[in-house]
Amino acid sequence: MRLEMTHAGDWPALPCALQQHPYYGQTVRGLGAGVKTYRLCTGGGEVGRVQVLYRRMGPLRLAWVGRGPVWMPWVAEAARRDALAKIATCLPGLALVQPDTVAEAGWMRATALMTAPSVAEIDLTLSAEGRMARQHGKWRNRLRKAQAAGLTIRQRPVNGDADAALLAKEAAQRKRRGYTALPPAFLREWAGQYRHATRIFTAHLNGEVVAFMVFLLHAPVATYHVGWSGAAGRDASAHHLLLWTASNWLADRGFSRLDLGTVDTATTPGLARFKIGSGAQIRALGPTLLPLPRFLRHPSAVVRAFPLAIRRNHG
């Protein structure tokens, strides 16, 4: 296998995780990270693309592949196996790879640095009736409660300046509850470059915003980014109506999947129950792998080098 440099402009519109989309790469590049995108090529031609984040740690150059590669839909399993088995040896520096599936992780000769997380994904190709049928009964009851609570739902692109006060509430909530997420600067940079690829859904009660949810759009997939709810919003189950409204809005515009992020029942059990109850399918990702001979592995140093990339929680 060989790697060839490519450019974001010719990236095919394939379903992929946020971490493999060009918008993500351009955003973290704007924050000062090193990012490169490669074509994965075998004797039969191109089999996929992979976006790689680079960071230096002293003399060591670290390469991070998050939830990749992205495969061309016509590529057979044998070709994907061959590419994944060789990818770490083709990347410059010390490579860390988190494949998007458990099966793909099994194709690599590597040691797991961290256990495989699970993500919650809503299938937007289903009809509204089909998606509602997948919701847990208690979740659906809370949705009905929200629909009868007199909430007004509005949506628009994110405006970094106008939304600063709302986003500050989420940052304070994050600190108070102790969960992790991409830093606020990430959303400011993304919205600054790709405002059309953001959407904030707000719930209003008596003229006040009582809850909101922010989504990042990387068609044909959308990813839940951050959300906040005040006491009035929680009492009215506003987030249930916000997620339902956003799901319908995305489905109507041809999006095929809504990624709700990781499900962590230990750290954020309430958020995990919310995601699971929404009717999302829970899918295990591959673990974070270090595909190197044992005598070259330094897991603690590697984990410290990529704290957000490895531990990212969308919550």
C-alpha atoms as a PDB file:
ATOM      1  CA  MET A   1       0.000   0.000   0.000  1.00  0.00           C
ATOM      2  CA  ARG A   2       1.091   3.605  -0.564  1.00  0.00           C
ATOM      3  CA  LEU A   3      -0.095   6.975   0.711  1.00  0.00           C
ATOM      4  CA  GLU A   4      -0.720   9.945  -1.551  1.00  0.00           C
ATOM      5  CA  MET A   5      -1.452  13.466  -0.393  1.00  0.00           C
ATOM      6  CA  THR A   6      -4.886  14.813  -1.278  1.00  0.00           C
ATOM      7  CA  HIS A   7      -6.816  18.006  -0.641  1.00  0.00           C
ATOM      8  CA  ALA A   8     -10.058  18.670   1.208  1.00  0.00           C
ATOM      9  CA  GLY A   9     -11.667  20.036  -1.934  1.00  0.00           C
ATOM     10  CA  ASP A  10     -11.741  16.684  -3.670  1.00  0.00           C
ATOM     11  CA  TRP A  11     -12.954  14.693  -0.674  1.00  0.00           C
ATOM     12  CA  PRO A  12     -15.894  12.504  -1.719  1.00  0.00           C
ATOM     13  CA  ALA A  13     -19.195  13.010   0.104  1.00  0.00           C
ATOM     14  CA  LEU A  14     -19.070   9.715   2.001  1.00  0.00           C
ATOM     15  CA  PRO A  15     -20.613   9.032   5.420  1.00  0.00           C
ATOM     16  CA  CYS A  16     -17.862   9.424   7.986  1.00  0.00           C
ATOM     17  CA  ALA A  17     -17.211  10.310  11.585  1.00  0.00           C
ATOM     18  CA  LEU A  18     -16.665  13.965  12.422  1.00  0.00           C
ATOM     19  CA  GLN A  19     -12.944  13.342  13.002  1.00  0.00           C
ATOM     20  CA  GLN A  20     -12.451  12.214   9.397  1.00  0.00           C
ATOM     21  CA  HIS A  21     -14.283  15.066   7.677  1.00  0.00           C
ATOM     22  CA  PRO A  22     -12.343  17.915   5.996  1.00  0.00           C
ATOM     23  CA  TYR A  23     -14.247  20.514   8.038  1.00  0.00           C
ATOM     24  CA  TYR A  24     -12.828  18.956  11.201  1.00  0.00           C
ATOM     25  CA  GLY A  25      -9.336  18.986   9.743  1.00  0.00           C
ATOM     26  CA  GLN A  26      -9.567  22.607   8.670  1.00  0.00           C
ATOM     27  CA  THR A  27     -10.956  23.583  12.075  1.00  0.00           C
ATOM     28  CA  VAL A  28      -8.180  21.992  14.114  1.00  0.00           C
ATOM     29  CA  ARG A  29      -5.654  23.341  11.617  1.00  0.00           C
ATOM     30  CA  GLY A  30      -7.027  26.801  12.364  1.00  0.00           C
ATOM     31  CA  LEU A  31      -6.375  26.103  16.043  1.00  0.00           C
ATOM     32  CA  GLY A  32      -2.747  25.308  15.315  1.00  0.00           C
ATOM     33  CA  ALA A  33      -2.745  21.525  14.880  1.00  0.00           C
ATOM     34  CA  GLY A  34      -0.940  19.704  12.093  1.00  0.00           C
ATOM     35  CA  VAL A  35      -3.337  17.907   9.745  1.00  0.00           C
ATOM     36  CA  LYS A  36      -2.783  15.922   6.570  1.00  0.00           C
ATOM     37  CA  THR A  37      -5.156  13.955   4.369  1.00  0.00           C
ATOM     38  CA  TYR A  38      -4.029  10.922   2.379  1.00  0.00           C
ATOM     39  CA  ARG A  39      -5.371   8.661  -0.301  1.00  0.00           C
ATOM     40  CA  LEU A  40      -4.939   4.976   0.538  1.00  0.00           C
ATOM     41  CA  CYS A  41      -3.873   3.218  -2.623  1.00  0.00           C
ATOM     42  CA  THR A  42      -3.185  -0.411  -3.467  1.00  0.00           C
ATOM     43  CA  GLY A  43      -2.355  -2.096  -6.742  1.00  0.00           C
ATOM     44  CA  GLY A  44      -6.016  -1.900  -7.669  1.00  0.00           C
ATOM     45  CA  GLY A  45      -6.278   1.861  -7.096  1.00  0.00           C
ATOM     46  CA  GLU A  46      -7.689   4.013  -4.338  1.00  0.00           C
ATOM     47  CA  VAL A  47      -9.419   2.155  -1.488  1.00  0.00           C
ATOM     48  CA  GLY A  48     -10.056   5.010   0.941  1.00  0.00           C
ATOM     49  CA  ARG A  49      -9.020   8.279   2.533  1.00  0.00           C
ATOM     50  CA  VAL A  50      -7.611   8.996   5.961  1.00  0.00           C
ATOM     51  CA  GLN A  51      -7.236  12.267   7.842  1.00  0.00           C
ATOM     52  CA  VAL A  52      -4.321  12.364  10.251  1.00  0.00           C
ATOM     53  CA  LEU A  53      -3.606  14.800  13.079  1.00  0.00           C
ATOM     54  CA  TYR A  54       0.056  15.356  13.929  1.00  0.00           C
ATOM     55  CA  ARG A  55       1.682  16.586  17.095  1.00  0.00           C
ATOM     56  CA  ARG A  56       5.291  16.804  18.236  1.00  0.00           C
ATOM     57  CA  MET A  57       6.312  15.658  21.690  1.00  0.00           C
ATOM     58  CA  GLY A  58       9.960  16.577  21.978  1.00  0.00           C
ATOM     59  CA  PRO A  59      11.770  14.757  19.165  1.00  0.00           C
ATOM     60  CA  LEU A  60       8.834  12.385  18.674  1.00  0.00           C
ATOM     61  CA  ARG A  61       6.232  13.002  15.975  1.00  0.00           C
ATOM     62  CA  LEU A  62       2.848  11.498  16.823  1.00  0.00           C
ATOM     63  CA  ALA A  63       0.188  10.711  14.215  1.00  0.00           C
ATOM     64  CA  TRP A  64      -3.438  10.276  15.332  1.00  0.00           C
ATOM     65  CA  VAL A  65      -6.088   8.591  13.150  1.00  0.00           C
ATOM     66  CA  GLY A  66      -9.493   9.114  14.766  1.00  0.00           C
ATOM     67  CA  ARG A  67     -12.346   6.835  13.659  1.00  0.00           C
ATOM     68  CA  GLY A  68     -10.804   6.146  10.288  1.00  0.00           C
ATOM     69  CA  PRO A  69     -10.033   5.427   7.526  1.00  0.00           C
ATOM     70  CA  VAL A  70     -13.043   6.242   5.345  1.00  0.00           C
ATOM     71  CA  TRP A  71     -13.455   3.467   2.788  1.00  0.00           C
ATOM     72  CA  MET A  72     -14.727   3.736  -0.739  1.00  0.00           C
ATOM     73  CA  PRO A  73     -18.054   1.867  -0.809  1.00  0.00           C
ATOM     74  CA  TRP A  74     -17.009  -0.576  -3.521  1.00  0.00           C
ATOM     75  CA  VAL A  75     -13.835  -1.790  -1.773  1.00  0.00           C
ATOM     76  CA  ALA A  76     -13.794  -5.455  -0.766  1.00  0.00           C
ATOM     77  CA  GLU A  77     -12.957  -6.539   2.760  1.00  0.00           C
ATOM     78  CA  ALA A  78      -9.653  -8.104   1.695  1.00  0.00           C
ATOM     79  CA  ALA A  79      -8.387  -4.776   0.375  1.00  0.00           C
ATOM     80  CA  ARG A  80      -9.480  -2.959   3.526  1.00  0.00           C
ATOM     81  CA  ARG A  81      -7.732  -5.558   5.676  1.00  0.00           C
ATOM     82  CA  ASP A  82      -4.523  -5.138   3.717  1.00  0.00           C
ATOM     83  CA  ALA A  83      -4.635  -1.341   3.915  1.00  0.00           C
ATOM     84  CA  LEU A  84      -5.290  -1.252   7.652  1.00  0.00           C
ATOM     85  CA  ALA A  85      -2.572  -3.779   8.368  1.00  0.00           C
ATOM     86  CA  LYS A  86      -0.029  -1.534   6.644  1.00  0.00           C
ATOM     87  CA  ILE A  87      -1.266   1.967   7.390  1.00  0.00           C
ATOM     88  CA  ALA A  88       0.795   2.522  10.549  1.00  0.00           C
ATOM     89  CA  THR A  89       4.030   1.672   8.753  1.00  0.00           C
ATOM     90  CA  CYS A  90       3.240   4.185   5.999  1.00  0.00           C
ATOM     91  CA  LEU A  91       2.531   7.154   8.265  1.00  0.00           C
ATOM     92  CA  PRO A  92       5.458   9.331   9.324  1.00  0.00           C
ATOM     93  CA  GLY A  93       6.082   9.246  13.060  1.00  0.00           C
ATOM     94  CA  LEU A  94       4.535   7.153  15.810  1.00  0.00           C
ATOM     95  CA  ALA A  95       0.997   6.207  14.770  1.00  0.00           C
ATOM     96  CA  LEU A  96      -2.126   5.844  16.895  1.00  0.00           C
ATOM     97  CA  VAL A  97      -5.182   4.440  15.154  1.00  0.00           C
ATOM     98  CA  GLN A  98      -8.775   4.164  16.343  1.00  0.00           C
ATOM     99  CA  PRO A  99     -10.738   2.274  13.677  1.00  0.00           C
ATOM    100  CA  ASP A 100     -14.442   3.041  13.416  1.00  0.00           C
ATOM    101  CA  THR A 101     -15.479  -0.577  13.999  1.00  0.00           C
ATOM    102  CA  VAL A 102     -14.438  -3.435  16.257  1.00  0.00           C
ATOM    103  CA  ALA A 103     -13.913  -5.681  13.245  1.00  0.00           C
ATOM    104  CA  GLU A 104     -11.422  -3.290  11.687  1.00  0.00           C
ATOM    105  CA  ALA A 105      -9.481  -3.106  14.940  1.00  0.00           C
ATOM    106  CA  GLY A 106      -9.096  -6.876  14.782  1.00  0.00           C
ATOM    107  CA  TRP A 107      -7.359  -6.581  11.421  1.00  0.00           C
ATOM    108  CA  MET A 108      -4.424  -4.699  12.960  1.00  0.00           C
ATOM    109  CA  ARG A 109      -1.537  -6.205  14.893  1.00  0.00           C
ATOM    110  CA  ALA A 110      -1.493  -3.742  17.729  1.00  0.00           C
ATOM    111  CA  THR A 111      -1.906  -3.252  21.444  1.00  0.00           C
ATOM    112  CA  ALA A 112      -4.953  -1.400  22.741  1.00  0.00           C
ATOM    113  CA  LEU A 113      -4.108   1.703  24.771  1.00  0.00           C
ATOM    114  CA  MET A 114      -7.711   2.364  25.770  1.00  0.00           C
ATOM    115  CA  THR A 115     -10.829   0.202  25.704  1.00  0.00           C
ATOM    116  CA  ALA A 116     -13.296   0.619  22.880  1.00  0.00           C
ATOM    117  CA  PRO A 117     -16.007   3.228  23.537  1.00  0.00           C
ATOM    118  CA  SER A 118     -19.535   3.013  22.155  1.00  0.00           C
ATOM    119  CA  VAL A 119     -21.443   5.655  20.232  1.00  0.00           C
ATOM    120  CA  ALA A 120     -25.156   6.322  19.814  1.00  0.00           C
ATOM    121  CA  GLU A 121     -26.405   6.816  16.242  1.00  0.00           C
ATOM    122  CA  ILE A 122     -29.883   7.685  14.999  1.00  0.00           C
ATOM    123  CA  ASP A 123     -30.796   6.253  11.601  1.00  0.00           C
ATOM    124  CA  LEU A 124     -32.291   9.195   9.727  1.00  0.00           C
ATOM    125  CA  THR A 125     -33.201   7.098   6.683  1.00  0.00           C
ATOM    126  CA  LEU A 126     -36.158   5.760   8.679  1.00  0.00           C
ATOM    127  CA  SER A 127     -39.488   7.537   8.568  1.00  0.00           C
ATOM    128  CA  ALA A 128     -40.512   9.697  11.515  1.00  0.00           C
ATOM    129  CA  GLU A 129     -42.879   6.904  12.560  1.00  0.00           C
ATOM    130  CA  GLY A 130     -40.086   4.356  12.357  1.00  0.00           C
ATOM    131  CA  ARG A 131     -37.739   6.496  14.433  1.00  0.00           C
ATOM    132  CA  MET A 132     -40.397   7.167  17.041  1.00  0.00           C
ATOM    133  CA  ALA A 133     -41.150   3.439  17.295  1.00  0.00           C
ATOM    134  CA  ARG A 134     -37.538   2.867  18.345  1.00  0.00           C
ATOM    135  CA  GLN A 135     -37.786   5.278  21.269  1.00  0.00           C
ATOM    136  CA  HIS A 136     -38.110   3.835  24.748  1.00  0.00           C
ATOM    137  CA  GLY A 137     -41.551   4.301  26.265  1.00  0.00           C
ATOM    138  CA  LYS A 138     -40.419   6.694  29.013  1.00  0.00           C
ATOM    139  CA  TRP A 139     -38.456   8.767  26.498  1.00  0.00           C
ATOM    140  CA  ARG A 140     -41.487   9.001  24.205  1.00  0.00           C
ATOM    141  CA  ASN A 141     -43.661  10.057  27.148  1.00  0.00           C
ATOM    142  CA  ARG A 142     -41.243  12.843  27.974  1.00  0.00           C
ATOM    143  CA  LEU A 143     -41.345  13.947  24.343  1.00  0.00           C
ATOM    144  CA  ARG A 144     -45.130  14.159  24.531  1.00  0.00           C
ATOM    145  CA  LYS A 145     -44.823  16.115  27.773  1.00  0.00           C
ATOM    146  CA  ALA A 146     -42.499  18.592  26.044  1.00  0.00           C
ATOM    147  CA  GLN A 147     -44.842  18.902  23.082  1.00  0.00           C
ATOM    148  CA  ALA A 148     -47.633  19.912  25.484  1.00  0.00           C
ATOM    149  CA  ALA A 149     -45.495  22.272  27.591  1.00  0.00           C
ATOM    150  CA  GLY A 150     -45.902  25.346  25.404  1.00  0.00           C
ATOM    151  CA  LEU A 151     -42.304  25.343  24.184  1.00  0.00           C
ATOM    152  CA  THR A 152     -41.333  27.171  21.011  1.00  0.00           C
ATOM    153  CA  ILE A 153     -38.465  25.600  19.055  1.00  0.00           C
ATOM    154  CA  ARG A 154     -36.332  27.719  16.751  1.00  0.00           C
ATOM    155  CA  GLN A 155     -33.267  26.853  14.687  1.00  0.00           C
ATOM    156  CA  ARG A 156     -30.566  28.746  12.806  1.00  0.00           C
ATOM    157  CA  PRO A 157     -26.806  28.660  12.126  1.00  0.00           C
ATOM    158  CA  VAL A 158     -24.524  29.318  15.088  1.00  0.00           C
ATOM    159  CA  ASN A 159     -23.417  32.933  15.531  1.00  0.00           C
ATOM    160  CA  GLY A 160     -20.259  32.998  17.636  1.00  0.00           C
ATOM    161  CA  ASP A 161     -20.796  36.499  19.016  1.00  0.00           C
ATOM    162  CA  ALA A 162     -24.562  36.426  19.458  1.00  0.00           C
ATOM    163  CA  ASP A 163     -24.475  32.939  21.010  1.00  0.00           C
ATOM    164  CA  ALA A 164     -21.545  33.566  23.345  1.00  0.00           C
ATOM    165  CA  ALA A 165     -23.724  33.914  26.453  1.00  0.00           C
ATOM    166  CA  LEU A 166     -25.630  30.703  25.702  1.00  0.00           C
ATOM    167  CA  LEU A 167     -22.462  28.755  24.987  1.00  0.00           C
ATOM    168  CA  ALA A 168     -20.932  30.048  28.217  1.00  0.00           C
ATOM    169  CA  LYS A 169     -23.791  28.366  30.079  1.00  0.00           C
ATOM    170  CA  GLU A 170     -22.840  25.046  28.518  1.00  0.00           C
ATOM    171  CA  ALA A 171     -19.180  25.565  29.445  1.00  0.00           C
ATOM    172  CA  ALA A 172     -20.163  26.232  33.051  1.00  0.00           C
ATOM    173  CA  GLN A 173     -22.428  23.174  33.051  1.00  0.00           C
ATOM    174  CA  ARG A 174     -19.547  21.073  31.672  1.00  0.00           C
ATOM    175  CA  LYS A 175     -17.217  22.207  34.439  1.00  0.00           C
ATOM    176  CA  ARG A 176     -19.846  21.625  37.120  1.00  0.00           C
ATOM    177  CA  ARG A 177     -20.714  18.108  35.956  1.00  0.00           C
ATOM    178  CA  GLY A 178     -17.155  17.094  35.115  1.00  0.00           C
ATOM    179  CA  TYR A 179     -17.633  15.771  31.584  1.00  0.00           C
ATOM    180  CA  THR A 180     -15.244  16.382  28.698  1.00  0.00           C
ATOM    181  CA  ALA A 181     -15.850  17.751  25.224  1.00  0.00           C
ATOM    182  CA  LEU A 182     -14.008  19.654  22.546  1.00  0.00           C
ATOM    183  CA  PRO A 183     -12.972  23.101  23.827  1.00  0.00           C
ATOM    184  CA  PRO A 184     -15.188  26.145  23.155  1.00  0.00           C
ATOM    185  CA  ALA A 185     -12.552  27.422  20.734  1.00  0.00           C
ATOM    186  CA  PHE A 186     -13.328  24.480  18.445  1.00  0.00           C
ATOM    187  CA  LEU A 187     -16.918  25.590  17.852  1.00  0.00           C
ATOM    188  CA  ARG A 188     -15.858  29.218  17.400  1.00  0.00           C
ATOM    189  CA  GLU A 189     -13.339  28.175  14.751  1.00  0.00           C
ATOM    190  CA  TRP A 190     -15.742  25.762  13.001  1.00  0.00           C
ATOM    191  CA  ALA A 191     -18.530  28.349  12.927  1.00  0.00           C
ATOM    192  CA  GLY A 192     -16.090  30.998  11.728  1.00  0.00           C
ATOM    193  CA  GLN A 193     -15.116  28.882   8.733  1.00  0.00           C
ATOM    194  CA  TYR A 194     -18.289  26.871   8.098  1.00  0.00           C
ATOM    195  CA  ARG A 195     -21.216  28.721   9.634  1.00  0.00           C
ATOM    196  CA  HIS A 196     -23.547  27.034   7.132  1.00  0.00           C
ATOM    197  CA  ALA A 197     -22.496  23.680   8.610  1.00  0.00           C
ATOM    198  CA  THR A 198     -23.727  24.491  12.113  1.00  0.00           C
ATOM    199  CA  ARG A 199     -27.207  24.439  13.575  1.00  0.00           C
ATOM    200  CA  ILE A 200     -28.391  25.567  16.975  1.00  0.00           C
ATOM    201  CA  PHE A 201     -31.876  24.515  18.075  1.00  0.00           C
ATOM    202  CA  THR A 202     -33.260  26.596  20.948  1.00  0.00           C
ATOM    203  CA  ALA A 203     -36.263  25.953  23.181  1.00  0.00           C
ATOM    204  CA  HIS A 204     -38.161  29.051  24.356  1.00  0.00           C
ATOM    205  CA  LEU A 205     -40.646  29.333  27.198  1.00  0.00           C
ATOM    206  CA  ASN A 206     -42.303  32.623  28.100  1.00  0.00           C
ATOM    207  CA  GLY A 207     -39.844  34.430  25.861  1.00  0.00           C
ATOM    208  CA  GLU A 208     -36.727  32.941  27.466  1.00  0.00           C
ATOM    209  CA  VAL A 209     -34.287  30.356  26.113  1.00  0.00           C
ATOM    210  CA  VAL A 210     -34.548  27.411  28.509  1.00  0.00           C
ATOM    211  CA  ALA A 211     -32.449  24.866  26.575  1.00  0.00           C
ATOM    212  CA  PHE A 212     -30.441  24.444  23.381  1.00  0.00           C
ATOM    213  CA  MET A 213     -28.569  21.841  21.326  1.00  0.00           C
ATOM    214  CA  VAL A 214     -25.822  22.462  18.767  1.00  0.00           C
ATOM    215  CA  PHE A 215     -25.172  20.172  15.797  1.00  0.00           C
ATOM    216  CA  LEU A 216     -22.278  20.113  13.332  1.00  0.00           C
ATOM    217  CA  LEU A 217     -23.235  19.225   9.761  1.00  0.00           C
ATOM    218  CA  HIS A 218     -20.897  17.141   7.589  1.00  0.00           C
ATOM    219  CA  ALA A 219     -23.308  15.686   5.063  1.00  0.00           C
ATOM    220  CA  PRO A 220     -24.594  13.073   4.841  1.00  0.00           C
ATOM    221  CA  VAL A 221     -23.900  12.809   8.613  1.00  0.00           C
ATOM    222  CA  ALA A 222     -24.588  15.267  11.424  1.00  0.00           C
ATOM    223  CA  THR A 223     -22.986  15.180  14.863  1.00  0.00           C
ATOM    224  CA  TYR A 224     -24.408  16.426  18.143  1.00  0.00           C
ATOM    225  CA  HIS A 225     -21.848  18.811  19.615  1.00  0.00           C
ATOM    226  CA  VAL A 226     -23.005  20.458  22.855  1.00  0.00           C
ATOM    227  CA  GLY A 227     -26.217  21.239  24.691  1.00  0.00           C
ATOM    228  CA  TRP A 228     -27.516  22.990  27.777  1.00  0.00           C
ATOM    229  CA  SER A 229     -30.730  23.059  29.778  1.00  0.00           C
ATOM    230  CA  GLY A 230     -31.798  25.246  32.663  1.00  0.00           C
ATOM    231  CA  ALA A 231     -34.198  24.201  35.402  1.00  0.00           C
ATOM    232  CA  ALA A 232     -37.258  25.250  33.395  1.00  0.00           C
ATOM    233  CA  GLY A 233     -35.970  23.341  30.379  1.00  0.00           C
ATOM    234  CA  ARG A 234     -35.433  20.184  32.426  1.00  0.00           C
ATOM    235  CA  ASP A 235     -38.900  20.464  33.965  1.00  0.00           C
ATOM    236  CA  ALA A 236     -40.406  20.716  30.478  1.00  0.00           C
ATOM    237  CA  SER A 237     -38.214  17.902  29.011  1.00  0.00           C
ATOM    238  CA  ALA A 238     -37.031  20.429  26.432  1.00  0.00           C
ATOM    239  CA  HIS A 239     -34.085  18.355  25.211  1.00  0.00           C
ATOM    240  CA  HIS A 240     -36.416  15.565  24.131  1.00  0.00           C
ATOM    241  CA  LEU A 241     -38.315  17.950  21.876  1.00  0.00           C
ATOM    242  CA  LEU A 242     -35.110  19.610  20.668  1.00  0.00           C
ATOM    243  CA  LEU A 243     -33.564  16.299  19.601  1.00  0.00           C
ATOM    244  CA  TRP A 244     -36.770  15.116  17.967  1.00  0.00           C
ATOM    245  CA  THR A 245     -37.160  18.397  16.061  1.00  0.00           C
ATOM    246  CA  ALA A 246     -33.525  18.365  14.968  1.00  0.00           C
ATOM    247  CA  SER A 247     -33.775  14.744  13.815  1.00  0.00           C
ATOM    248  CA  ASN A 248     -36.789  15.553  11.653  1.00  0.00           C
ATOM    249  CA  TRP A 249     -35.126  18.682  10.251  1.00  0.00           C
ATOM    250  CA  LEU A 250     -32.003  16.722   9.295  1.00  0.00           C
ATOM    251  CA  ALA A 251     -33.952  13.803   7.814  1.00  0.00           C
ATOM    252  CA  ASP A 252     -36.013  16.184   5.683  1.00  0.00           C
ATOM    253  CA  ARG A 253     -32.765  17.544   4.221  1.00  0.00           C
ATOM    254  CA  GLY A 254     -31.335  14.187   3.236  1.00  0.00           C
ATOM    255  CA  PHE A 255     -29.008  13.466   6.149  1.00  0.00           C
ATOM    256  CA  SER A 256     -28.650   9.728   6.722  1.00  0.00           C
ATOM    257  CA  ARG A 257     -27.244   9.549  10.254  1.00  0.00           C
ATOM    258  CA  LEU A 258     -27.118  11.588  13.447  1.00  0.00           C
ATOM    259  CA  ASP A 259     -24.129  10.805  15.651  1.00  0.00           C
ATOM    260  CA  LEU A 260     -24.941  11.549  19.297  1.00  0.00           C
ATOM    261  CA  GLY A 261     -21.414  10.822  20.459  1.00  0.00           C
ATOM    262  CA  THR A 262     -20.072   8.431  23.043  1.00  0.00           C
ATOM    263  CA  VAL A 263     -22.226   6.650  25.595  1.00  0.00           C
ATOM    264  CA  ASP A 264     -20.593   6.698  29.034  1.00  0.00           C
ATOM    265  CA  THR A 265     -22.832   5.096  31.647  1.00  0.00           C
ATOM    266  CA  ALA A 266     -20.195   5.522  34.385  1.00  0.00           C
ATOM    267  CA  THR A 267     -19.322   9.231  34.067  1.00  0.00           C
ATOM    268  CA  THR A 268     -22.569  10.657  32.643  1.00  0.00           C
ATOM    269  CA  PRO A 269     -25.332   8.082  33.291  1.00  0.00           C
ATOM    270  CA  GLY A 270     -28.164  10.573  32.769  1.00  0.00           C
ATOM    271  CA  LEU A 271     -26.884  11.649  29.365  1.00  0.00           C
ATOM    272  CA  ALA A 272     -26.280   8.013  28.428  1.00  0.00           C
ATOM    273  CA  ARG A 273     -29.897   7.126  29.294  1.00  0.00           C
ATOM    274  CA  PHE A 274     -31.103  10.085  27.222  1.00  0.00           C
ATOM    275  CA  LYS A 275     -29.145   8.959  24.154  1.00  0.00           C
ATOM    276  CA  ILE A 276     -30.133   5.314  24.495  1.00  0.00           C
ATOM    277  CA  GLY A 277     -33.792   6.157  25.081  1.00  0.00           C
ATOM    278  CA  SER A 278     -33.954   8.352  21.967  1.00  0.00           C
ATOM    279  CA  GLY A 279     -34.034   5.255  19.777  1.00  0.00           C
ATOM    280  CA  ALA A 280     -30.392   5.507  18.770  1.00  0.00           C
ATOM    281  CA  GLN A 281     -28.488   2.357  17.970  1.00  0.00           C
ATOM    282  CA  ILE A 282     -25.510   1.738  20.247  1.00  0.00           C
ATOM    283  CA  ARG A 283     -22.399   0.684  18.345  1.00  0.00           C
ATOM    284  CA  ALA A 284     -18.946  -0.169  19.654  1.00  0.00           C
ATOM    285  CA  LEU A 285     -15.970   1.537  18.043  1.00  0.00           C
ATOM    286  CA  GLY A 286     -12.522   0.060  17.819  1.00  0.00           C
ATOM    287  CA  PRO A 287     -10.112   0.703  20.697  1.00  0.00           C
ATOM    288  CA  THR A 288      -7.238   3.139  20.389  1.00  0.00           C
ATOM    289  CA  LEU A 289      -4.348   1.075  19.029  1.00  0.00           C
ATOM    290  CA  LEU A 290      -0.602   1.457  19.012  1.00  0.00           C
ATOM    291  CA  PRO A 291       0.583  -0.723  16.105  1.00  0.00           C
ATOM    292  CA  LEU A 292       4.266  -0.993  17.012  1.00  0.00           C
ATOM    293  CA  PRO A 293       6.614  -3.618  18.467  1.00  0.00           C
ATOM    294  CA  ARG A 294       6.281  -3.848  22.229  1.00  0.00           C
ATOM    295  CA  PHE A 295       9.708  -2.375  22.997  1.00  0.00           C
ATOM    296  CA  LEU A 296       8.761   0.858  21.213  1.00  0.00           C
ATOM    297  CA  ARG A 297       5.443   1.429  23.007  1.00  0.00           C
ATOM    298  CA  HIS A 298       5.026   4.266  25.487  1.00  0.00           C
ATOM    299  CA  PRO A 299       1.269   4.290  26.240  1.00  0.00           C
ATOM    300  CA  SER A 300       1.243   6.886  29.039  1.00  0.00           C
ATOM    301  CA  ALA A 301       3.154   9.434  26.964  1.00  0.00           C
ATOM    302  CA  VAL A 302       0.933   8.852  23.953  1.00  0.00           C
ATOM    303  CA  VAL A 303      -2.319   9.273  25.894  1.00  0.00           C
ATOM    304  CA  ARG A 304      -1.072  12.545  27.384  1.00  0.00           C
ATOM    305  CA  ALA A 305      -0.194  13.816  23.918  1.00  0.00           C
ATOM    306  CA  PHE A 306      -3.754  13.437  22.564  1.00  0.00           C
ATOM    307  CA  PRO A 307      -6.082  13.972  25.547  1.00  0.00           C
ATOM    308  CA  LEU A 308      -8.998  15.395  23.540  1.00  0.00           C
ATOM    309  CA  ALA A 309      -8.697  13.171  20.505  1.00  0.00           C
ATOM    310  CA  ILE A 310      -8.641   9.978  22.569  1.00  0.00           C
ATOM    311  CA  ARG A 311     -10.988  10.912  25.398  1.00  0.00           C
ATOM    312  CA  ARG A 312     -13.434  13.005  23.473  1.00  0.00           C
ATOM    313  CA  ASN A 313     -16.993  12.850  24.754  1.00  0.00           C
ATOM    314  CA  HIS A 314     -19.654  14.687  22.670  1.00  0.00           C
ATOM    315  CA  GLY A 315     -21.751  15.241  25.731  1.00  0.00           C
END
